[in-house]
């Protein structure tokens, strides 16, 4: 069995992921169970550190994800139901509502926590 340490680079990360995939069905009491639990912990820590979302205000985050998915304001309006409101929100004239946060979190694959941050309106 390989001795595992904190993951410091993508090569080590990929090795850990590959090993995890090999032993992921180990049950408590199995010889690989403790190794599996350790891999879950170190993989999770590495992902949290390296793949964290940038510190952006919610509207900038929405705009970036819209670009990632090729969405326009009209696509958000279809999801939410009101083009005028979407326009105001994207131009910082109106805050996101709880309903928008829920819908856009799901549509744009953004954690709701990232959309509830405070930001300045114009």
PDB file of N, CA and C in Angstrom:
ATOM      1  N   UNK A   1       0.838  -1.192   0.000  1.00  0.00           N
ATOM      2  CA  UNK A   1       0.000   0.000   0.000  1.00  0.00           C
ATOM      3  C   UNK A   1       0.876   1.247   0.000  1.00  0.00           C
ATOM      4  N   UNK A   2       0.545   2.184  -0.879  1.00  0.00           N
ATOM      5  CA  UNK A   2       1.274   3.454  -0.972  1.00  0.00           C
ATOM      6  C   UNK A   2       1.029   4.276   0.287  1.00  0.00           C
ATOM      7  N   UNK A   3       2.057   4.994   0.713  1.00  0.00           N
ATOM      8  CA  UNK A   3       1.886   5.895   1.849  1.00  0.00           C
ATOM      9  C   UNK A   3       1.442   7.252   1.300  1.00  0.00           C
ATOM     10  N   UNK A   4       0.287   7.734   1.773  1.00  0.00           N
ATOM     11  CA  UNK A   4      -0.290   8.978   1.266  1.00  0.00           C
ATOM     12  C   UNK A   4       0.085  10.161   2.145  1.00  0.00           C
ATOM     13  N   UNK A   5       0.289  11.309   1.480  1.00  0.00           N
ATOM     14  CA  UNK A   5       0.577  12.569   2.152  1.00  0.00           C
ATOM     15  C   UNK A   5      -0.379  13.613   1.588  1.00  0.00           C
ATOM     16  N   UNK A   6      -0.303  14.822   2.093  1.00  0.00           N
ATOM     17  CA  UNK A   6      -1.126  15.890   1.521  1.00  0.00           C
ATOM     18  C   UNK A   6      -0.799  16.027   0.044  1.00  0.00           C
ATOM     19  N   UNK A   7      -1.814  16.256  -0.756  1.00  0.00           N
ATOM     20  CA  UNK A   7      -1.647  16.376  -2.206  1.00  0.00           C
ATOM     21  C   UNK A   7      -1.138  17.782  -2.516  1.00  0.00           C
ATOM     22  N   UNK A   8      -0.050  17.852  -3.286  1.00  0.00           N
ATOM     23  CA  UNK A   8       0.570  19.143  -3.573  1.00  0.00           C
ATOM     24  C   UNK A   8       0.517  19.541  -5.049  1.00  0.00           C
ATOM     25  N   UNK A   9       0.151  18.602  -5.945  1.00  0.00           N
ATOM     26  CA  UNK A   9       0.117  18.955  -7.365  1.00  0.00           C
ATOM     27  C   UNK A   9      -0.873  18.051  -8.099  1.00  0.00           C
ATOM     28  N   UNK A  10      -1.094  18.354  -9.362  1.00  0.00           N
ATOM     29  CA  UNK A  10      -2.082  17.620 -10.165  1.00  0.00           C
ATOM     30  C   UNK A  10      -1.695  16.159 -10.375  1.00  0.00           C
ATOM     31  N   UNK A  11      -0.404  15.863 -10.463  1.00  0.00           N
ATOM     32  CA  UNK A  11       0.038  14.481 -10.636  1.00  0.00           C
ATOM     33  C   UNK A  11      -0.358  13.646  -9.423  1.00  0.00           C
ATOM     34  N   UNK A  12      -0.075  14.176  -8.237  1.00  0.00           N
ATOM     35  CA  UNK A  12      -0.455  13.468  -7.009  1.00  0.00           C
ATOM     36  C   UNK A  12      -1.976  13.375  -6.894  1.00  0.00           C
ATOM     37  N   UNK A  13      -2.655  14.417  -7.298  1.00  0.00           N
ATOM     38  CA  UNK A  13      -4.118  14.429  -7.268  1.00  0.00           C
ATOM     39  C   UNK A  13      -4.674  13.316  -8.160  1.00  0.00           C
ATOM     40  N   UNK A  14      -4.148  13.212  -9.378  1.00  0.00           N
ATOM     41  CA  UNK A  14      -4.612  12.178 -10.307  1.00  0.00           C
ATOM     42  C   UNK A  14      -4.314  10.771  -9.781  1.00  0.00           C
ATOM     43  N   UNK A  15      -3.155  10.586  -9.142  1.00  0.00           N
ATOM     44  CA  UNK A  15      -2.826   9.292  -8.536  1.00  0.00           C
ATOM     45  C   UNK A  15      -3.843   8.949  -7.443  1.00  0.00           C
ATOM     46  N   UNK A  16      -4.168   9.945  -6.626  1.00  0.00           N
ATOM     47  CA  UNK A  16      -5.121   9.719  -5.535  1.00  0.00           C
ATOM     48  C   UNK A  16      -6.510   9.395  -6.085  1.00  0.00           C
ATOM     49  N   UNK A  17      -6.921  10.107  -7.122  1.00  0.00           N
ATOM     50  CA  UNK A  17      -8.230   9.857  -7.740  1.00  0.00           C
ATOM     51  C   UNK A  17      -8.278   8.445  -8.319  1.00  0.00           C
ATOM     52  N   UNK A  18      -7.223   8.050  -9.002  1.00  0.00           N
ATOM     53  CA  UNK A  18      -7.172   6.705  -9.594  1.00  0.00           C
ATOM     54  C   UNK A  18      -7.250   5.625  -8.514  1.00  0.00           C
ATOM     55  N   UNK A  19      -6.516   5.821  -7.431  1.00  0.00           N
ATOM     56  CA  UNK A  19      -6.563   4.841  -6.344  1.00  0.00           C
ATOM     57  C   UNK A  19      -7.948   4.833  -5.694  1.00  0.00           C
ATOM     58  N   UNK A  20      -8.516   6.009  -5.499  1.00  0.00           N
ATOM     59  CA  UNK A  20      -9.864   6.110  -4.940  1.00  0.00           C
ATOM     60  C   UNK A  20     -10.848   5.308  -5.784  1.00  0.00           C
ATOM     61  N   UNK A  21     -10.784   5.481  -7.103  1.00  0.00           N
ATOM     62  CA  UNK A  21     -11.696   4.761  -8.001  1.00  0.00           C
ATOM     63  C   UNK A  21     -11.527   3.245  -7.867  1.00  0.00           C
ATOM     64  N   UNK A  22     -10.314   2.798  -7.609  1.00  0.00           N
ATOM     65  CA  UNK A  22     -10.044   1.372  -7.472  1.00  0.00           C
ATOM     66  C   UNK A  22     -10.652   0.788  -6.197  1.00  0.00           C
ATOM     67  N   UNK A  23     -10.605   1.556  -5.094  1.00  0.00           N
ATOM     68  CA  UNK A  23     -11.024   1.007  -3.794  1.00  0.00           C
ATOM     69  C   UNK A  23     -12.302   1.650  -3.241  1.00  0.00           C
ATOM     70  N   UNK A  24     -13.000   2.424  -4.028  1.00  0.00           N
ATOM     71  CA  UNK A  24     -14.114   3.227  -3.513  1.00  0.00           C
ATOM     72  C   UNK A  24     -15.267   2.420  -2.917  1.00  0.00           C
ATOM     73  N   UNK A  25     -15.340   1.149  -3.193  1.00  0.00           N
ATOM     74  CA  UNK A  25     -16.433   0.340  -2.651  1.00  0.00           C
ATOM     75  C   UNK A  25     -16.026  -0.419  -1.381  1.00  0.00           C
ATOM     76  N   UNK A  26     -14.857  -0.096  -0.850  1.00  0.00           N
ATOM     77  CA  UNK A  26     -14.401  -0.762   0.377  1.00  0.00           C
ATOM     78  C   UNK A  26     -15.368  -0.439   1.519  1.00  0.00           C
ATOM     79  N   UNK A  27     -15.687  -1.436   2.278  1.00  0.00           N
ATOM     80  CA  UNK A  27     -16.613  -1.299   3.412  1.00  0.00           C
ATOM     81  C   UNK A  27     -15.824  -1.281   4.716  1.00  0.00           C
ATOM     82  N   UNK A  28     -16.441  -0.715   5.738  1.00  0.00           N
ATOM     83  CA  UNK A  28     -15.811  -0.685   7.052  1.00  0.00           C
ATOM     84  C   UNK A  28     -15.417  -2.110   7.425  1.00  0.00           C
ATOM     85  N   UNK A  29     -14.171  -2.264   7.838  1.00  0.00           N
ATOM     86  CA  UNK A  29     -13.667  -3.594   8.163  1.00  0.00           C
ATOM     87  C   UNK A  29     -12.792  -4.172   7.058  1.00  0.00           C
ATOM     88  N   UNK A  30     -12.981  -3.692   5.805  1.00  0.00           N
ATOM     89  CA  UNK A  30     -12.128  -4.141   4.703  1.00  0.00           C
ATOM     90  C   UNK A  30     -10.715  -3.586   4.900  1.00  0.00           C
ATOM     91  N   UNK A  31      -9.740  -4.258   4.323  1.00  0.00           N
ATOM     92  CA  UNK A  31      -8.353  -3.822   4.480  1.00  0.00           C
ATOM     93  C   UNK A  31      -8.091  -2.450   3.839  1.00  0.00           C
ATOM     94  N   UNK A  32      -8.872  -2.057   2.844  1.00  0.00           N
ATOM     95  CA  UNK A  32      -8.667  -0.772   2.156  1.00  0.00           C
ATOM     96  C   UNK A  32      -9.508   0.363   2.719  1.00  0.00           C
ATOM     97  N   UNK A  33     -10.333   0.095   3.716  1.00  0.00           N
ATOM     98  CA  UNK A  33     -11.280   1.098   4.201  1.00  0.00           C
ATOM     99  C   UNK A  33     -10.593   2.349   4.756  1.00  0.00           C
ATOM    100  N   UNK A  34      -9.578   2.176   5.582  1.00  0.00           N
ATOM    101  CA  UNK A  34      -8.883   3.344   6.160  1.00  0.00           C
ATOM    102  C   UNK A  34      -8.186   4.149   5.077  1.00  0.00           C
ATOM    103  N   UNK A  35      -7.615   3.465   4.110  1.00  0.00           N
ATOM    104  CA  UNK A  35      -6.980   4.168   2.987  1.00  0.00           C
ATOM    105  C   UNK A  35      -8.024   4.963   2.219  1.00  0.00           C
ATOM    106  N   UNK A  36      -9.188   4.376   2.011  1.00  0.00           N
ATOM    107  CA  UNK A  36     -10.276   5.061   1.318  1.00  0.00           C
ATOM    108  C   UNK A  36     -10.668   6.337   2.055  1.00  0.00           C
ATOM    109  N   UNK A  37     -10.835   6.246   3.364  1.00  0.00           N
ATOM    110  CA  UNK A  37     -11.221   7.415   4.157  1.00  0.00           C
ATOM    111  C   UNK A  37     -10.151   8.501   4.093  1.00  0.00           C
ATOM    112  N   UNK A  38      -8.885   8.110   4.123  1.00  0.00           N
ATOM    113  CA  UNK A  38      -7.788   9.062   4.013  1.00  0.00           C
ATOM    114  C   UNK A  38      -7.797   9.734   2.641  1.00  0.00           C
ATOM    115  N   UNK A  39      -8.005   8.953   1.592  1.00  0.00           N
ATOM    116  CA  UNK A  39      -8.058   9.513   0.240  1.00  0.00           C
ATOM    117  C   UNK A  39      -9.193  10.513   0.098  1.00  0.00           C
ATOM    118  N   UNK A  40     -10.355  10.193   0.646  1.00  0.00           N
ATOM    119  CA  UNK A  40     -11.491  11.117   0.590  1.00  0.00           C
ATOM    120  C   UNK A  40     -11.087  12.447   1.220  1.00  0.00           C
ATOM    121  N   UNK A  41     -10.432  12.378   2.357  1.00  0.00           N
ATOM    122  CA  UNK A  41     -10.028  13.597   3.083  1.00  0.00           C
ATOM    123  C   UNK A  41      -9.005  14.412   2.301  1.00  0.00           C
ATOM    124  N   UNK A  42      -7.949  13.779   1.824  1.00  0.00           N
ATOM    125  CA  UNK A  42      -6.900  14.560   1.156  1.00  0.00           C
ATOM    126  C   UNK A  42      -7.346  15.046  -0.226  1.00  0.00           C
ATOM    127  N   UNK A  43      -8.173  14.282  -0.915  1.00  0.00           N
ATOM    128  CA  UNK A  43      -8.711  14.726  -2.210  1.00  0.00           C
ATOM    129  C   UNK A  43      -9.619  15.922  -1.987  1.00  0.00           C
ATOM    130  N   UNK A  44     -10.477  15.838  -0.992  1.00  0.00           N
ATOM    131  CA  UNK A  44     -11.405  16.923  -0.678  1.00  0.00           C
ATOM    132  C   UNK A  44     -10.655  18.206  -0.324  1.00  0.00           C
ATOM    133  N   UNK A  45      -9.634  18.081   0.497  1.00  0.00           N
ATOM    134  CA  UNK A  45      -8.836  19.256   0.886  1.00  0.00           C
ATOM    135  C   UNK A  45      -8.165  19.891  -0.328  1.00  0.00           C
ATOM    136  N   UNK A  46      -7.605  19.075  -1.191  1.00  0.00           N
ATOM    137  CA  UNK A  46      -6.927  19.599  -2.385  1.00  0.00           C
ATOM    138  C   UNK A  46      -7.928  20.306  -3.297  1.00  0.00           C
ATOM    139  N   UNK A  47      -9.073  19.687  -3.501  1.00  0.00           N
ATOM    140  CA  UNK A  47     -10.090  20.290  -4.371  1.00  0.00           C
ATOM    141  C   UNK A  47     -10.595  21.603  -3.790  1.00  0.00           C
ATOM    142  N   UNK A  48     -10.790  21.639  -2.491  1.00  0.00           N
ATOM    143  CA  UNK A  48     -11.266  22.862  -1.847  1.00  0.00           C
ATOM    144  C   UNK A  48     -10.250  23.993  -2.041  1.00  0.00           C
ATOM    145  N   UNK A  49      -8.975  23.654  -1.911  1.00  0.00           N
ATOM    146  CA  UNK A  49      -7.905  24.640  -2.029  1.00  0.00           C
ATOM    147  C   UNK A  49      -7.675  25.089  -3.475  1.00  0.00           C
ATOM    148  N   UNK A  50      -7.654  24.152  -4.394  1.00  0.00           N
ATOM    149  CA  UNK A  50      -7.278  24.451  -5.782  1.00  0.00           C
ATOM    150  C   UNK A  50      -8.440  24.811  -6.695  1.00  0.00           C
ATOM    151  N   UNK A  51      -9.625  24.331  -6.395  1.00  0.00           N
ATOM    152  CA  UNK A  51     -10.744  24.529  -7.300  1.00  0.00           C
ATOM    153  C   UNK A  51     -11.827  25.406  -6.702  1.00  0.00           C
ATOM    154  N   UNK A  52     -11.439  26.241  -5.756  1.00  0.00           N
ATOM    155  CA  UNK A  52     -12.422  27.132  -5.117  1.00  0.00           C
ATOM    156  C   UNK A  52     -12.888  28.191  -6.116  1.00  0.00           C
ATOM    157  N   UNK A  53     -14.123  28.617  -5.936  1.00  0.00           N
ATOM    158  CA  UNK A  53     -14.645  29.677  -6.792  1.00  0.00           C
ATOM    159  C   UNK A  53     -13.966  30.993  -6.455  1.00  0.00           C
ATOM    160  N   UNK A  54     -13.720  31.816  -7.452  1.00  0.00           N
ATOM    161  CA  UNK A  54     -13.081  33.107  -7.194  1.00  0.00           C
ATOM    162  C   UNK A  54     -14.013  34.022  -6.403  1.00  0.00           C
ATOM    163  N   UNK A  55     -13.419  35.015  -5.750  1.00  0.00           N
ATOM    164  CA  UNK A  55     -14.206  35.990  -5.001  1.00  0.00           C
ATOM    165  C   UNK A  55     -14.783  37.010  -5.981  1.00  0.00           C
ATOM    166  N   UNK A  56     -15.994  36.793  -6.374  1.00  0.00           N
ATOM    167  CA  UNK A  56     -16.675  37.688  -7.299  1.00  0.00           C
ATOM    168  C   UNK A  56     -17.997  38.096  -6.690  1.00  0.00           C
ATOM    169  N   UNK A  57     -18.492  39.268  -7.109  1.00  0.00           N
ATOM    170  CA  UNK A  57     -19.834  39.587  -6.657  1.00  0.00           C
ATOM    171  C   UNK A  57     -20.801  38.702  -7.447  1.00  0.00           C
ATOM    172  N   UNK A  58     -21.982  38.469  -6.905  1.00  0.00           N
ATOM    173  CA  UNK A  58     -22.913  37.527  -7.532  1.00  0.00           C
ATOM    174  C   UNK A  58     -23.237  37.833  -8.996  1.00  0.00           C
ATOM    175  N   UNK A  59     -23.354  39.094  -9.341  1.00  0.00           N
ATOM    176  CA  UNK A  59     -23.717  39.451 -10.720  1.00  0.00           C
ATOM    177  C   UNK A  59     -22.574  39.116 -11.675  1.00  0.00           C
ATOM    178  N   UNK A  60     -21.347  39.413 -11.283  1.00  0.00           N
ATOM    179  CA  UNK A  60     -20.204  39.055 -12.128  1.00  0.00           C
ATOM    180  C   UNK A  60     -20.122  37.543 -12.299  1.00  0.00           C
ATOM    181  N   UNK A  61     -20.383  36.830 -11.223  1.00  0.00           N
ATOM    182  CA  UNK A  61     -20.373  35.368 -11.276  1.00  0.00           C
ATOM    183  C   UNK A  61     -21.428  34.871 -12.265  1.00  0.00           C
ATOM    184  N   UNK A  62     -22.618  35.434 -12.198  1.00  0.00           N
ATOM    185  CA  UNK A  62     -23.695  35.059 -13.126  1.00  0.00           C
ATOM    186  C   UNK A  62     -23.277  35.348 -14.560  1.00  0.00           C
ATOM    187  N   UNK A  63     -22.696  36.510 -14.798  1.00  0.00           N
ATOM    188  CA  UNK A  63     -22.278  36.882 -16.163  1.00  0.00           C
ATOM    189  C   UNK A  63     -21.211  35.927 -16.702  1.00  0.00           C
ATOM    190  N   UNK A  64     -20.275  35.542 -15.857  1.00  0.00           N
ATOM    191  CA  UNK A  64     -19.225  34.604 -16.280  1.00  0.00           C
ATOM    192  C   UNK A  64     -19.833  33.252 -16.640  1.00  0.00           C
ATOM    193  N   UNK A  65     -20.744  32.759 -15.788  1.00  0.00           N
ATOM    194  CA  UNK A  65     -21.368  31.468 -16.057  1.00  0.00           C
ATOM    195  C   UNK A  65     -22.283  31.533 -17.285  1.00  0.00           C
ATOM    196  N   UNK A  66     -22.937  32.662 -17.495  1.00  0.00           N
ATOM    197  CA  UNK A  66     -23.747  32.830 -18.706  1.00  0.00           C
ATOM    198  C   UNK A  66     -22.853  32.670 -19.933  1.00  0.00           C
ATOM    199  N   UNK A  67     -21.681  33.301 -19.875  1.00  0.00           N
ATOM    200  CA  UNK A  67     -20.737  33.200 -20.989  1.00  0.00           C
ATOM    201  C   UNK A  67     -20.254  31.757 -21.147  1.00  0.00           C
ATOM    202  N   UNK A  68     -19.955  31.099 -20.022  1.00  0.00           N
ATOM    203  CA  UNK A  68     -19.506  29.697 -20.063  1.00  0.00           C
ATOM    204  C   UNK A  68     -20.524  28.806 -20.778  1.00  0.00           C
ATOM    205  N   UNK A  69     -21.814  29.028 -20.505  1.00  0.00           N
ATOM    206  CA  UNK A  69     -22.875  28.203 -21.074  1.00  0.00           C
ATOM    207  C   UNK A  69     -23.447  28.754 -22.379  1.00  0.00           C
ATOM    208  N   UNK A  70     -22.992  29.950 -22.785  1.00  0.00           N
ATOM    209  CA  UNK A  70     -23.521  30.556 -24.003  1.00  0.00           C
ATOM    210  C   UNK A  70     -24.927  31.113 -23.831  1.00  0.00           C
ATOM    211  N   UNK A  71     -25.274  31.504 -22.612  1.00  0.00           N
ATOM    212  CA  UNK A  71     -26.606  32.042 -22.340  1.00  0.00           C
ATOM    213  C   UNK A  71     -26.642  33.549 -22.525  1.00  0.00           C
ATOM    214  N   UNK A  72     -27.805  34.033 -22.859  1.00  0.00           N
ATOM    215  CA  UNK A  72     -28.086  35.475 -22.961  1.00  0.00           C
ATOM    216  C   UNK A  72     -29.076  35.831 -21.860  1.00  0.00           C
ATOM    217  N   UNK A  73     -29.308  37.129 -21.680  1.00  0.00           N
ATOM    218  CA  UNK A  73     -30.281  37.576 -20.683  1.00  0.00           C
ATOM    219  C   UNK A  73     -31.650  36.957 -20.946  1.00  0.00           C
ATOM    220  N   UNK A  74     -31.984  36.770 -22.209  1.00  0.00           N
ATOM    221  CA  UNK A  74     -33.279  36.172 -22.567  1.00  0.00           C
ATOM    222  C   UNK A  74     -33.405  34.746 -22.015  1.00  0.00           C
ATOM    223  N   UNK A  75     -32.297  34.010 -21.952  1.00  0.00           N
ATOM    224  CA  UNK A  75     -32.327  32.659 -21.395  1.00  0.00           C
ATOM    225  C   UNK A  75     -32.654  32.696 -19.897  1.00  0.00           C
ATOM    226  N   UNK A  76     -32.070  33.674 -19.199  1.00  0.00           N
ATOM    227  CA  UNK A  76     -32.378  33.826 -17.781  1.00  0.00           C
ATOM    228  C   UNK A  76     -33.831  34.260 -17.600  1.00  0.00           C
ATOM    229  N   UNK A  77     -34.282  35.129 -18.480  1.00  0.00           N
ATOM    230  CA  UNK A  77     -35.671  35.598 -18.412  1.00  0.00           C
ATOM    231  C   UNK A  77     -36.640  34.435 -18.624  1.00  0.00           C
ATOM    232  N   UNK A  78     -36.307  33.534 -19.529  1.00  0.00           N
ATOM    233  CA  UNK A  78     -37.159  32.357 -19.747  1.00  0.00           C
ATOM    234  C   UNK A  78     -37.245  31.520 -18.469  1.00  0.00           C
ATOM    235  N   UNK A  79     -36.127  31.410 -17.781  1.00  0.00           N
ATOM    236  CA  UNK A  79     -36.094  30.638 -16.537  1.00  0.00           C
ATOM    237  C   UNK A  79     -36.846  31.356 -15.416  1.00  0.00           C
ATOM    238  N   UNK A  80     -36.670  32.677 -15.348  1.00  0.00           N
ATOM    239  CA  UNK A  80     -37.271  33.447 -14.260  1.00  0.00           C
ATOM    240  C   UNK A  80     -38.655  33.972 -14.606  1.00  0.00           C
ATOM    241  N   UNK A  81     -38.832  34.388 -15.882  1.00  0.00           N
ATOM    242  CA  UNK A  81     -40.154  34.824 -16.309  1.00  0.00           C
ATOM    243  C   UNK A  81     -40.326  36.307 -16.549  1.00  0.00           C
ATOM    244  N   UNK A  82     -39.277  37.113 -16.372  1.00  0.00           N
ATOM    245  CA  UNK A  82     -39.443  38.559 -16.548  1.00  0.00           C
ATOM    246  C   UNK A  82     -38.154  39.188 -17.085  1.00  0.00           C
ATOM    247  N   UNK A  83     -38.145  39.520 -18.364  1.00  0.00           N
ATOM    248  CA  UNK A  83     -36.949  40.065 -19.013  1.00  0.00           C
ATOM    249  C   UNK A  83     -36.528  41.409 -18.422  1.00  0.00           C
ATOM    250  N   UNK A  84     -37.513  42.260 -18.096  1.00  0.00           N
ATOM    251  CA  UNK A  84     -37.194  43.577 -17.528  1.00  0.00           C
ATOM    252  C   UNK A  84     -36.457  43.461 -16.201  1.00  0.00           C
ATOM    253  N   UNK A  85     -36.914  42.563 -15.369  1.00  0.00           N
ATOM    254  CA  UNK A  85     -36.266  42.367 -14.069  1.00  0.00           C
ATOM    255  C   UNK A  85     -34.846  41.838 -14.248  1.00  0.00           C
ATOM    256  N   UNK A  86     -34.666  40.912 -15.156  1.00  0.00           N
ATOM    257  CA  UNK A  86     -33.323  40.362 -15.417  1.00  0.00           C
ATOM    258  C   UNK A  86     -32.391  41.467 -15.873  1.00  0.00           C
ATOM    259  N   UNK A  87     -32.859  42.325 -16.753  1.00  0.00           N
ATOM    260  CA  UNK A  87     -32.059  43.448 -17.234  1.00  0.00           C
ATOM    261  C   UNK A  87     -31.645  44.351 -16.075  1.00  0.00           C
ATOM    262  N   UNK A  88     -32.582  44.648 -15.179  1.00  0.00           N
ATOM    263  CA  UNK A  88     -32.268  45.498 -14.015  1.00  0.00           C
ATOM    264  C   UNK A  88     -31.253  44.828 -13.102  1.00  0.00           C
ATOM    265  N   UNK A  89     -31.410  43.530 -12.890  1.00  0.00           N
ATOM    266  CA  UNK A  89     -30.490  42.801 -12.014  1.00  0.00           C
ATOM    267  C   UNK A  89     -29.086  42.782 -12.616  1.00  0.00           C
ATOM    268  N   UNK A  90     -28.979  42.480 -13.903  1.00  0.00           N
ATOM    269  CA  UNK A  90     -27.665  42.392 -14.554  1.00  0.00           C
ATOM    270  C   UNK A  90     -26.976  43.748 -14.672  1.00  0.00           C
ATOM    271  N   UNK A  91     -27.749  44.827 -14.565  1.00  0.00           N
ATOM    272  CA  UNK A  91     -27.147  46.171 -14.610  1.00  0.00           C
ATOM    273  C   UNK A  91     -27.055  46.791 -13.207  1.00  0.00           C
ATOM    274  N   UNK A  92     -27.164  45.972 -12.189  1.00  0.00           N
ATOM    275  CA  UNK A  92     -27.007  46.394 -10.789  1.00  0.00           C
ATOM    276  C   UNK A  92     -28.048  47.417 -10.341  1.00  0.00           C
ATOM    277  N   UNK A  93     -29.214  47.409 -10.932  1.00  0.00           N
ATOM    278  CA  UNK A  93     -30.266  48.342 -10.549  1.00  0.00           C
ATOM    279  C   UNK A  93     -31.293  47.697  -9.610  1.00  0.00           C
ATOM    280  N   UNK A  94     -31.273  46.377  -9.519  1.00  0.00           N
ATOM    281  CA  UNK A  94     -32.203  45.652  -8.657  1.00  0.00           C
ATOM    282  C   UNK A  94     -31.471  44.438  -8.088  1.00  0.00           C
ATOM    283  N   UNK A  95     -31.687  44.127  -6.802  1.00  0.00           N
ATOM    284  CA  UNK A  95     -30.998  42.976  -6.226  1.00  0.00           C
ATOM    285  C   UNK A  95     -31.617  41.655  -6.673  1.00  0.00           C
ATOM    286  N   UNK A  96     -30.834  40.609  -6.556  1.00  0.00           N
ATOM    287  CA  UNK A  96     -31.339  39.261  -6.808  1.00  0.00           C
ATOM    288  C   UNK A  96     -32.387  38.912  -5.753  1.00  0.00           C
ATOM    289  N   UNK A  97     -33.445  38.274  -6.172  1.00  0.00           N
ATOM    290  CA  UNK A  97     -34.448  37.793  -5.226  1.00  0.00           C
ATOM    291  C   UNK A  97     -34.089  36.358  -4.829  1.00  0.00           C
ATOM    292  N   UNK A  98     -34.711  35.865  -3.795  1.00  0.00           N
ATOM    293  CA  UNK A  98     -34.474  34.494  -3.369  1.00  0.00           C
ATOM    294  C   UNK A  98     -34.850  33.502  -4.474  1.00  0.00           C
ATOM    295  N   UNK A  99     -35.948  33.787  -5.171  1.00  0.00           N
ATOM    296  CA  UNK A  99     -36.376  32.921  -6.281  1.00  0.00           C
ATOM    297  C   UNK A  99     -35.324  32.904  -7.386  1.00  0.00           C
ATOM    298  N   UNK A 100     -34.783  34.074  -7.717  1.00  0.00           N
ATOM    299  CA  UNK A 100     -33.725  34.137  -8.744  1.00  0.00           C
ATOM    300  C   UNK A 100     -32.510  33.350  -8.304  1.00  0.00           C
ATOM    301  N   UNK A 101     -32.114  33.518  -7.056  1.00  0.00           N
ATOM    302  CA  UNK A 101     -30.944  32.802  -6.545  1.00  0.00           C
ATOM    303  C   UNK A 101     -31.139  31.296  -6.703  1.00  0.00           C
ATOM    304  N   UNK A 102     -32.297  30.812  -6.339  1.00  0.00           N
ATOM    305  CA  UNK A 102     -32.572  29.375  -6.466  1.00  0.00           C
ATOM    306  C   UNK A 102     -32.524  28.923  -7.923  1.00  0.00           C
ATOM    307  N   UNK A 103     -33.203  29.671  -8.789  1.00  0.00           N
ATOM    308  CA  UNK A 103     -33.280  29.266 -10.198  1.00  0.00           C
ATOM    309  C   UNK A 103     -31.925  29.386 -10.900  1.00  0.00           C
ATOM    310  N   UNK A 104     -31.211  30.491 -10.662  1.00  0.00           N
ATOM    311  CA  UNK A 104     -29.932  30.704 -11.337  1.00  0.00           C
ATOM    312  C   UNK A 104     -28.852  29.780 -10.789  1.00  0.00           C
ATOM    313  N   UNK A 105     -28.935  29.436  -9.510  1.00  0.00           N
ATOM    314  CA  UNK A 105     -27.993  28.488  -8.935  1.00  0.00           C
ATOM    315  C   UNK A 105     -28.097  27.160  -9.683  1.00  0.00           C
ATOM    316  N   UNK A 106     -29.313  26.720  -9.905  1.00  0.00           N
ATOM    317  CA  UNK A 106     -29.542  25.452 -10.598  1.00  0.00           C
ATOM    318  C   UNK A 106     -29.174  25.557 -12.086  1.00  0.00           C
ATOM    319  N   UNK A 107     -29.655  26.601 -12.739  1.00  0.00           N
ATOM    320  CA  UNK A 107     -29.427  26.776 -14.173  1.00  0.00           C
ATOM    321  C   UNK A 107     -27.948  26.938 -14.513  1.00  0.00           C
ATOM    322  N   UNK A 108     -27.252  27.762 -13.727  1.00  0.00           N
ATOM    323  CA  UNK A 108     -25.869  28.121 -14.046  1.00  0.00           C
ATOM    324  C   UNK A 108     -24.838  27.313 -13.255  1.00  0.00           C
ATOM    325  N   UNK A 109     -25.321  26.355 -12.465  1.00  0.00           N
ATOM    326  CA  UNK A 109     -24.420  25.504 -11.670  1.00  0.00           C
ATOM    327  C   UNK A 109     -23.505  26.352 -10.779  1.00  0.00           C
ATOM    328  N   UNK A 110     -24.126  27.284 -10.053  1.00  0.00           N
ATOM    329  CA  UNK A 110     -23.414  28.151  -9.112  1.00  0.00           C
ATOM    330  C   UNK A 110     -23.946  27.824  -7.725  1.00  0.00           C
ATOM    331  N   UNK A 111     -23.068  27.605  -6.748  1.00  0.00           N
ATOM    332  CA  UNK A 111     -23.574  27.375  -5.391  1.00  0.00           C
ATOM    333  C   UNK A 111     -24.385  28.587  -4.915  1.00  0.00           C
ATOM    334  N   UNK A 112     -25.508  28.337  -4.282  1.00  0.00           N
ATOM    335  CA  UNK A 112     -26.358  29.433  -3.798  1.00  0.00           C
ATOM    336  C   UNK A 112     -25.575  30.357  -2.873  1.00  0.00           C
ATOM    337  N   UNK A 113     -24.631  29.806  -2.115  1.00  0.00           N
ATOM    338  CA  UNK A 113     -23.824  30.630  -1.206  1.00  0.00           C
ATOM    339  C   UNK A 113     -23.085  31.744  -1.951  1.00  0.00           C
ATOM    340  N   UNK A 114     -22.696  31.475  -3.189  1.00  0.00           N
ATOM    341  CA  UNK A 114     -21.981  32.474  -3.974  1.00  0.00           C
ATOM    342  C   UNK A 114     -22.918  33.584  -4.456  1.00  0.00           C
ATOM    343  N   UNK A 115     -24.209  33.294  -4.510  1.00  0.00           N
ATOM    344  CA  UNK A 115     -25.174  34.281  -5.002  1.00  0.00           C
ATOM    345  C   UNK A 115     -25.815  35.107  -3.892  1.00  0.00           C
ATOM    346  N   UNK A 116     -25.620  34.706  -2.652  1.00  0.00           N
ATOM    347  CA  UNK A 116     -26.246  35.467  -1.568  1.00  0.00           C
ATOM    348  C   UNK A 116     -25.323  36.530  -0.986  1.00  0.00           C
ATOM    349  N   UNK A 117     -24.104  36.615  -1.489  1.00  0.00           N
ATOM    350  CA  UNK A 117     -23.178  37.638  -1.006  1.00  0.00           C
ATOM    351  C   UNK A 117     -23.736  39.035  -1.297  1.00  0.00           C
ATOM    352  N   UNK A 118     -23.393  39.959  -0.411  1.00  0.00           N
ATOM    353  CA  UNK A 118     -23.825  41.344  -0.626  1.00  0.00           C
ATOM    354  C   UNK A 118     -23.022  41.967  -1.759  1.00  0.00           C
ATOM    355  N   UNK A 119     -23.683  42.868  -2.467  1.00  0.00           N
ATOM    356  CA  UNK A 119     -23.012  43.630  -3.524  1.00  0.00           C
ATOM    357  C   UNK A 119     -23.726  44.967  -3.662  1.00  0.00           C
ATOM    358  N   UNK A 120     -23.028  45.924  -4.270  1.00  0.00           N
ATOM    359  CA  UNK A 120     -23.570  47.280  -4.380  1.00  0.00           C
ATOM    360  C   UNK A 120     -24.444  47.439  -5.606  1.00  0.00           C
ATOM    361  N   UNK A 121     -25.568  48.101  -5.409  1.00  0.00           N
ATOM    362  CA  UNK A 121     -26.430  48.473  -6.526  1.00  0.00           C
ATOM    363  C   UNK A 121     -26.008  49.847  -7.004  1.00  0.00           C
ATOM    364  N   UNK A 122     -26.386  50.169  -8.260  1.00  0.00           N
ATOM    365  CA  UNK A 122     -26.041  51.499  -8.807  1.00  0.00           C
ATOM    366  C   UNK A 122     -27.217  52.429  -8.716  1.00  0.00           C
TER     367      UNK A 122
END
